[in-house]
Amino acid sequence: MRKLGVMRERFRRSLSVGGGRRKGGGGVGLLREVVAPYEAVVEELKKEVKARETEVENLKEKLRSVTVTSLSNGNGKKGWPPSKRKVGCSYAAQVAANPAPELFEGTMSQVKEASKSFTLLLLSLMRNAHWDIAAAVRSIEAATASTDNITTSATSAIASTVVTHHAKYALESYISRKLFQGFDHETFYMDGSLSSLLNPDQFRRDCFAQYCDMKAMEPVELLGILPTCHFGKFCTKKYLAIVHPKMEESLFGNLEQRQRVLAGSHPRSQFYGQFLGLAKAIWQLHLLAFSLDPAPSQFEASRGAEFHPQYMDSVVKFSGGHIPAGQIVGFPVSPGFKLGNGSVVKARVYLVPRS
């Protein structure tokens, strides 16, 4: 449009200098004849741009009304949204009209896939930055083993086995532990809310409604409108817990992403976008957990524990599909859940031979 305007202005100037002295309206007529098609195109483009801008604003307003109702607290209090909702659940209704154990199991599968993807991305960045993966695994094992009261010799033996074969599982275990920390509390201990105890029925309904509203949304778009909603605060807290300053500086050469996250923003980088996909899956699982009555019971396999196939699933697949005798839990990779209908979402574990 600017180029067309410049062309029109140049043409007018050329006529005023050259042909503008001719008597009669020939110059003006010629100008109109040449410029008219361009002006018509410009007007059409202006109309199209205006229509698109109106459409974008309408979509933004629609999304804003949905997210404000479902994910922020309209009464100014901390905690969860008010009980009177104006947002439907048509998308999630195609899956289930009410929270169900089967929906929880399906969402846990999404968590598993998102966790694998983010872990592989982080591991590839570490390798590109020439990390000592063996040292990183030993550090992860030492940190987690200290909380489980595991001896140094046992930790070294497990770390050696993992480095040789499957470093990605140690890294995924680290990420999972950070993300699931606080899962048993209604806000991941981000505040002292007790809504689930004070008004449990309404709280369950609100959680499932939030799950429905959020299911079809891209997390980056949601956080572009409500960066400091509960989900946004969750993402900030967990990102800072997983990616410490030295790690980020080593991977990216600066602390730009961390600084933006600390400032309440959510970067649109590939790495942070992948993290948001995993964070959304965890958040939805959490909403479903607090939607169900009774709520799922979370459990985690202990290091050194016997392998129980009814409660555990090995992340490493053995030949023939059978777990060899004498295998014990080297470390947990992700937690499991016992559901109200009696079914079990198995805990994922990394197995090692009994020494």
Protein backbone atom coordinates (compact mmCIF):
# COMPACT_ATOMS: atom_id res chain seq x y z
CA MET A 1 0.00 0.00 0.00
CA ARG A 2 2.87 2.36 0.79
CA LYS A 3 4.52 1.57 -2.55
CA LEU A 4 1.30 2.32 -4.41
CA GLY A 5 1.03 5.64 -2.60
CA VAL A 6 4.63 6.55 -3.49
CA MET A 7 4.06 5.64 -7.15
CA ARG A 8 0.93 7.80 -7.27
CA GLU A 9 2.73 10.76 -5.72
CA ARG A 10 5.68 10.47 -8.12
CA PHE A 11 3.34 10.32 -11.09
CA ARG A 12 1.52 13.45 -9.94
CA ARG A 13 4.81 15.30 -9.52
CA SER A 14 6.00 14.27 -12.98
CA LEU A 15 2.81 15.61 -14.50
CA SER A 16 3.02 18.88 -12.61
CA VAL A 17 6.59 19.37 -13.83
CA GLY A 18 6.28 18.05 -17.38
CA GLY A 19 2.77 17.87 -18.74
CA GLY A 20 1.11 20.07 -16.17
CA ARG A 21 1.67 23.16 -18.37
CA ARG A 22 -0.47 21.77 -21.15
CA LYS A 23 -3.73 23.53 -21.62
CA GLY A 24 -6.92 21.67 -20.88
CA GLY A 25 -7.51 18.76 -18.57
CA GLY A 26 -5.57 16.15 -20.56
CA GLY A 27 -2.89 15.76 -17.86
CA VAL A 28 -5.41 15.43 -15.09
CA GLY A 29 -7.46 12.98 -17.10
CA LEU A 30 -4.43 10.86 -17.84
CA LEU A 31 -3.47 10.91 -14.16
CA ARG A 32 -6.91 9.75 -13.12
CA GLU A 33 -6.92 7.04 -15.76
CA VAL A 34 -3.57 5.63 -14.60
CA VAL A 35 -4.10 6.00 -10.83
CA ALA A 36 -7.72 4.82 -10.65
CA PRO A 37 -6.95 1.06 -10.74
CA TYR A 38 -4.32 1.48 -8.02
CA GLU A 39 -6.70 3.46 -5.82
CA ALA A 40 -9.34 0.77 -6.22
CA VAL A 41 -6.84 -1.89 -5.15
CA VAL A 42 -5.76 0.22 -2.17
CA GLU A 43 -9.36 0.67 -1.03
CA GLU A 44 -10.01 -3.07 -1.31
CA LEU A 45 -6.88 -3.82 0.70
CA LYS A 46 -7.91 -1.32 3.37
CA LYS A 47 -11.30 -2.99 3.67
CA GLU A 48 -9.72 -6.44 3.90
CA VAL A 49 -7.25 -5.31 6.57
CA LYS A 50 -10.04 -3.71 8.58
CA ALA A 51 -12.15 -6.87 8.34
CA ARG A 52 -9.23 -9.02 9.46
CA GLU A 53 -8.47 -6.69 12.37
CA THR A 54 -12.10 -6.87 13.48
CA GLU A 55 -12.03 -10.65 13.23
CA VAL A 56 -8.83 -10.87 15.28
CA GLU A 57 -10.23 -8.56 17.97
CA ASN A 58 -13.43 -10.62 18.17
CA LEU A 59 -11.44 -13.84 18.57
CA LYS A 60 -9.21 -12.26 21.21
CA GLU A 61 -12.24 -11.02 23.14
CA LYS A 62 -13.89 -14.43 22.91
CA LEU A 63 -10.77 -16.19 24.18
CA ARG A 64 -10.30 -13.58 26.89
CA SER A 65 -13.85 -14.05 28.17
CA VAL A 66 -13.38 -17.82 28.28
CA THR A 67 -10.06 -17.76 30.06
CA VAL A 68 -10.93 -14.99 32.49
CA THR A 69 -14.02 -16.87 33.57
CA SER A 70 -12.34 -20.23 33.90
CA LEU A 71 -8.77 -19.54 34.96
CA SER A 72 -8.74 -16.32 36.94
CA ASN A 73 -10.59 -15.45 40.10
CA GLY A 74 -13.29 -12.92 39.40
CA ASN A 75 -14.02 -12.13 43.05
CA GLY A 76 -10.51 -10.87 43.77
CA LYS A 77 -9.71 -13.65 46.20
CA LYS A 78 -6.88 -16.11 45.95
CA GLY A 79 -7.69 -19.62 44.91
CA TRP A 80 -10.01 -20.92 42.24
CA PRO A 81 -12.64 -19.30 40.04
CA PRO A 82 -16.19 -18.51 41.16
CA SER A 83 -18.76 -21.26 40.94
CA LYS A 84 -21.18 -19.51 38.55
CA ARG A 85 -19.74 -20.20 35.11
CA LYS A 86 -20.78 -18.99 31.67
CA VAL A 87 -18.40 -21.21 29.72
CA GLY A 88 -19.51 -24.43 28.10
CA CYS A 89 -17.67 -27.70 27.84
CA SER A 90 -18.62 -28.78 24.33
CA TYR A 91 -15.15 -29.89 23.28
CA ALA A 92 -14.49 -32.08 26.30
CA ALA A 93 -18.07 -33.33 26.26
CA GLN A 94 -17.10 -35.31 23.17
CA VAL A 95 -14.71 -37.23 25.43
CA ALA A 96 -16.72 -37.43 28.65
CA ALA A 97 -19.66 -35.49 30.04
CA ASN A 98 -18.30 -36.00 33.55
CA PRO A 99 -14.87 -36.68 35.01
CA ALA A 100 -14.09 -40.38 34.73
CA PRO A 101 -11.13 -42.62 35.60
CA GLU A 102 -10.73 -43.48 31.92
CA LEU A 103 -10.23 -39.78 31.12
CA PHE A 104 -7.57 -39.59 33.82
CA GLU A 105 -5.76 -42.60 32.34
CA GLY A 106 -5.84 -41.04 28.87
CA THR A 107 -4.45 -37.76 30.18
CA MET A 108 -1.67 -39.61 31.99
CA SER A 109 -0.70 -41.11 28.62
CA GLN A 110 -0.44 -37.56 27.25
CA VAL A 111 1.80 -36.64 30.19
CA LYS A 112 4.01 -39.62 29.39
CA GLU A 113 4.43 -38.66 25.72
CA ALA A 114 5.01 -34.97 26.49
CA SER A 115 7.56 -35.90 29.15
CA LYS A 116 9.49 -38.08 26.70
CA SER A 117 9.55 -35.33 24.06
CA PHE A 118 10.75 -32.61 26.42
CA THR A 119 13.37 -34.90 27.94
CA LEU A 120 14.80 -35.80 24.53
CA LEU A 121 14.95 -32.12 23.54
CA LEU A 122 16.75 -31.19 26.77
CA LEU A 123 19.18 -34.10 26.38
CA SER A 124 19.99 -33.10 22.79
CA LEU A 125 20.69 -29.52 23.92
CA MET A 126 23.00 -30.85 26.63
CA ARG A 127 24.93 -32.91 24.10
CA ASN A 128 25.15 -29.98 21.68
CA ALA A 129 26.56 -27.89 24.54
CA HIS A 130 29.16 -30.64 25.13
CA TRP A 131 27.90 -31.57 28.57
CA ASP A 132 29.47 -34.46 30.42
CA ILE A 133 26.31 -36.59 30.44
CA ALA A 134 27.85 -39.11 32.83
CA ALA A 135 28.60 -36.37 35.35
CA ALA A 136 25.10 -34.93 34.92
CA VAL A 137 23.50 -38.32 35.62
CA ARG A 138 25.70 -38.86 38.67
CA SER A 139 24.68 -35.43 39.96
CA ILE A 140 20.98 -36.19 39.42
CA GLU A 141 21.32 -39.58 41.10
CA ALA A 142 23.22 -38.16 44.06
CA ALA A 143 20.64 -35.41 44.59
CA THR A 144 17.62 -37.72 44.41
CA ALA A 145 19.26 -40.55 46.36
CA SER A 146 20.01 -38.22 49.27
CA THR A 147 16.29 -37.69 49.76
CA ASP A 148 15.69 -41.46 49.60
CA ASN A 149 18.51 -42.36 52.04
CA ILE A 150 20.36 -44.46 49.46
CA THR A 151 24.06 -45.22 50.02
CA THR A 152 26.73 -43.61 47.86
CA SER A 153 27.98 -46.95 46.56
CA ALA A 154 24.49 -47.97 45.44
CA THR A 155 24.01 -44.61 43.76
CA SER A 156 27.30 -44.92 41.87
CA ALA A 157 26.40 -48.40 40.67
CA ILE A 158 23.01 -47.25 39.38
CA ALA A 159 24.48 -44.14 37.75
CA SER A 160 27.11 -46.24 35.99
CA THR A 161 24.44 -48.54 34.57
CA VAL A 162 22.26 -45.64 33.46
CA VAL A 163 25.08 -43.71 31.76
CA THR A 164 26.10 -46.78 29.84
CA HIS A 165 22.62 -47.47 28.53
CA HIS A 166 19.82 -45.01 29.22
CA ALA A 167 20.75 -41.50 30.42
CA LYS A 168 17.42 -40.17 29.15
CA TYR A 169 15.52 -42.02 31.88
CA ALA A 170 17.56 -40.43 34.67
CA LEU A 171 16.88 -37.01 33.15
CA GLU A 172 13.17 -37.77 32.75
CA SER A 173 13.05 -38.91 36.38
CA TYR A 174 14.54 -35.58 37.46
CA ILE A 175 12.02 -33.60 35.39
CA SER A 176 9.08 -35.69 36.59
CA ARG A 177 10.03 -35.32 40.23
CA LYS A 178 10.14 -31.53 39.89
CA LEU A 179 6.82 -31.33 38.05
CA PHE A 180 4.86 -33.67 40.31
CA GLN A 181 6.13 -32.05 43.50
CA GLY A 182 3.07 -30.61 45.25
CA PHE A 183 0.62 -32.58 43.07
CA ASP A 184 -1.34 -33.63 46.16
CA HIS A 185 -2.30 -30.01 46.93
CA GLU A 186 -5.04 -28.15 45.06
CA THR A 187 -2.67 -25.36 43.93
CA PHE A 188 0.67 -27.20 44.07
CA TYR A 189 1.28 -25.24 47.29
CA MET A 190 1.43 -21.98 45.36
CA ASP A 191 -0.90 -20.55 48.00
CA GLY A 192 -2.78 -21.75 51.06
CA SER A 193 -6.14 -22.29 49.38
CA LEU A 194 -8.47 -24.81 51.06
CA SER A 195 -11.38 -24.71 48.60
CA SER A 196 -11.27 -28.49 48.10
CA LEU A 197 -11.99 -28.92 51.81
CA LEU A 198 -14.40 -26.04 52.38
CA ASN A 199 -16.66 -26.71 49.39
CA PRO A 200 -15.57 -30.02 47.85
CA ASP A 201 -18.51 -30.59 45.48
CA GLN A 202 -18.30 -27.15 43.91
CA PHE A 203 -14.53 -27.38 43.76
CA ARG A 204 -14.71 -30.64 41.82
CA ARG A 205 -17.15 -29.11 39.34
CA ASP A 206 -14.95 -26.06 38.87
CA CYS A 207 -11.85 -28.19 38.30
CA PHE A 208 -13.54 -30.25 35.61
CA ALA A 209 -14.95 -27.13 33.96
CA GLN A 210 -11.43 -25.68 33.85
CA TYR A 211 -10.17 -28.92 32.34
CA CYS A 212 -12.82 -28.69 29.63
CA ASP A 213 -12.10 -25.04 28.87
CA MET A 214 -8.36 -25.57 28.69
CA LYS A 215 -8.31 -28.78 26.67
CA ALA A 216 -8.57 -27.20 23.22
CA MET A 217 -6.33 -24.20 24.01
CA GLU A 218 -2.70 -23.82 23.04
CA PRO A 219 -0.83 -22.93 26.25
CA VAL A 220 1.25 -20.21 24.59
CA GLU A 221 -1.91 -18.43 23.38
CA LEU A 222 -3.57 -18.75 26.77
CA LEU A 223 -0.55 -17.32 28.56
CA GLY A 224 -0.32 -14.52 26.01
CA ILE A 225 -3.64 -13.27 27.38
CA LEU A 226 -3.36 -14.31 31.04
CA PRO A 227 0.36 -14.68 31.81
CA THR A 228 -0.15 -14.60 35.59
CA CYS A 229 -3.15 -16.92 35.91
CA HIS A 230 -2.76 -19.99 38.14
CA PHE A 231 -1.47 -22.03 35.21
CA GLY A 232 0.99 -19.27 34.30
CA LYS A 233 2.32 -19.18 37.86
CA PHE A 234 2.63 -22.97 37.80
CA CYS A 235 4.69 -22.80 34.58
CA THR A 236 6.94 -20.12 36.04
CA LYS A 237 7.52 -22.07 39.24
CA LYS A 238 8.27 -25.38 37.53
CA TYR A 239 10.47 -23.96 34.76
CA LEU A 240 12.68 -22.22 37.31
CA ALA A 241 12.85 -25.43 39.35
CA ILE A 242 13.89 -27.59 36.38
CA VAL A 243 16.20 -25.22 34.49
CA HIS A 244 18.62 -23.67 36.96
CA PRO A 245 20.72 -20.62 35.93
CA LYS A 246 23.95 -22.50 35.16
CA MET A 247 22.05 -24.99 33.01
CA GLU A 248 20.32 -22.28 30.98
CA GLU A 249 23.48 -20.27 30.46
CA SER A 250 25.32 -23.39 29.33
CA LEU A 251 22.55 -24.44 26.92
CA PHE A 252 21.71 -21.05 25.40
CA GLY A 253 24.69 -18.83 26.16
CA ASN A 254 22.66 -16.37 28.22
CA LEU A 255 19.90 -16.07 30.83
CA GLU A 256 17.41 -14.24 28.62
CA GLN A 257 14.63 -16.83 28.93
CA ARG A 258 15.02 -17.07 32.70
CA GLN A 259 14.90 -13.28 33.06
CA ARG A 260 11.72 -13.10 30.99
CA VAL A 261 10.11 -15.87 33.04
CA LEU A 262 11.10 -14.16 36.28
CA ALA A 263 9.49 -10.97 34.94
CA GLY A 264 6.19 -12.83 34.49
CA SER A 265 6.49 -13.39 30.75
CA HIS A 266 6.43 -16.64 28.77
CA PRO A 267 8.98 -16.84 25.92
CA ARG A 268 7.92 -18.11 22.50
CA SER A 269 11.04 -20.20 21.97
CA GLN A 270 10.96 -23.82 20.82
CA PHE A 271 12.40 -25.01 24.13
CA TYR A 272 9.93 -23.11 26.31
CA GLY A 273 7.08 -24.08 24.00
CA GLN A 274 7.96 -27.76 24.45
CA PHE A 275 8.06 -27.22 28.20
CA LEU A 276 4.62 -25.58 28.09
CA GLY A 277 3.20 -28.65 26.34
CA LEU A 278 4.38 -30.85 29.21
CA ALA A 279 3.28 -28.33 31.85
CA LYS A 280 -0.21 -28.20 30.33
CA ALA A 281 -0.51 -32.00 30.39
CA ILE A 282 0.50 -32.08 34.08
CA TRP A 283 -1.90 -29.24 34.89
CA GLN A 284 -4.79 -31.00 33.18
CA LEU A 285 -3.98 -34.24 35.00
CA HIS A 286 -4.04 -32.29 38.26
CA LEU A 287 -7.43 -30.74 37.41
CA LEU A 288 -8.84 -34.19 36.67
CA ALA A 289 -7.40 -35.60 39.89
CA PHE A 290 -9.29 -32.97 41.88
CA SER A 291 -12.42 -33.50 39.76
CA LEU A 292 -12.78 -37.17 40.65
CA ASP A 293 -14.58 -38.48 43.70
CA PRO A 294 -12.80 -40.23 45.27
CA ALA A 295 -9.59 -38.56 44.18
CA PRO A 296 -6.81 -40.77 42.79
CA SER A 297 -4.21 -41.95 45.27
CA GLN A 298 -0.68 -41.18 44.12
CA PHE A 299 2.19 -43.59 44.78
CA GLU A 300 5.82 -43.92 43.76
CA ALA A 301 8.06 -46.96 43.56
CA SER A 302 10.94 -46.88 46.01
CA ARG A 303 14.55 -47.44 45.05
CA GLY A 304 15.60 -51.00 45.66
CA ALA A 305 12.01 -52.24 45.82
CA GLU A 306 10.95 -55.52 44.24
CA PHE A 307 9.34 -55.21 40.84
CA HIS A 308 5.55 -55.65 41.00
CA PRO A 309 4.04 -55.83 37.49
CA GLN A 310 0.53 -54.95 38.70
CA TYR A 311 1.79 -51.58 39.98
CA MET A 312 4.92 -50.90 37.92
CA ASP A 313 5.91 -50.62 34.28
CA SER A 314 9.54 -50.89 33.19
CA VAL A 315 10.70 -48.07 30.91
CA VAL A 316 13.28 -50.42 29.42
CA LYS A 317 11.78 -53.17 27.29
CA PHE A 318 13.41 -56.57 27.64
CA SER A 319 13.70 -59.17 24.90
CA GLY A 320 10.66 -61.39 24.72
CA GLY A 321 8.65 -58.89 26.74
CA HIS A 322 9.45 -60.66 30.04
CA ILE A 323 11.20 -59.05 33.00
CA PRO A 324 14.20 -61.19 34.02
CA ALA A 325 14.31 -62.52 37.57
CA GLY A 326 16.25 -60.54 40.15
CA GLN A 327 15.36 -57.07 38.83
CA ILE A 328 14.73 -54.29 41.34
CA VAL A 329 13.82 -50.61 41.05
CA GLY A 330 16.92 -48.56 40.29
CA PHE A 331 14.90 -45.34 40.45
CA PRO A 332 11.33 -44.17 39.79
CA VAL A 333 10.70 -42.36 36.49
CA SER A 334 7.11 -41.19 37.05
CA PRO A 335 4.47 -41.81 39.73
CA GLY A 336 1.50 -44.13 39.58
CA PHE A 337 -2.11 -43.68 40.70
CA LYS A 338 -4.79 -45.88 42.21
CA LEU A 339 -8.21 -44.83 40.90
CA GLY A 340 -11.60 -45.01 42.56
CA ASN A 341 -12.88 -47.70 40.18
CA GLY A 342 -10.09 -50.05 41.22
CA SER A 343 -7.89 -49.55 38.16
CA VAL A 344 -4.23 -48.62 38.45
CA VAL A 345 -2.10 -46.22 36.42
CA LYS A 346 1.25 -47.94 36.77
CA ALA A 347 4.33 -46.15 38.06
CA ARG A 348 7.13 -46.11 35.50
CA VAL A 349 10.43 -47.42 36.83
CA TYR A 350 13.99 -48.04 35.71
CA LEU A 351 15.05 -51.56 36.66
CA VAL A 352 18.54 -52.77 37.51
CA PRO A 353 19.82 -56.25 38.46
CA ARG A 354 20.01 -56.97 42.15
CA SER A 355 23.64 -56.60 43.17
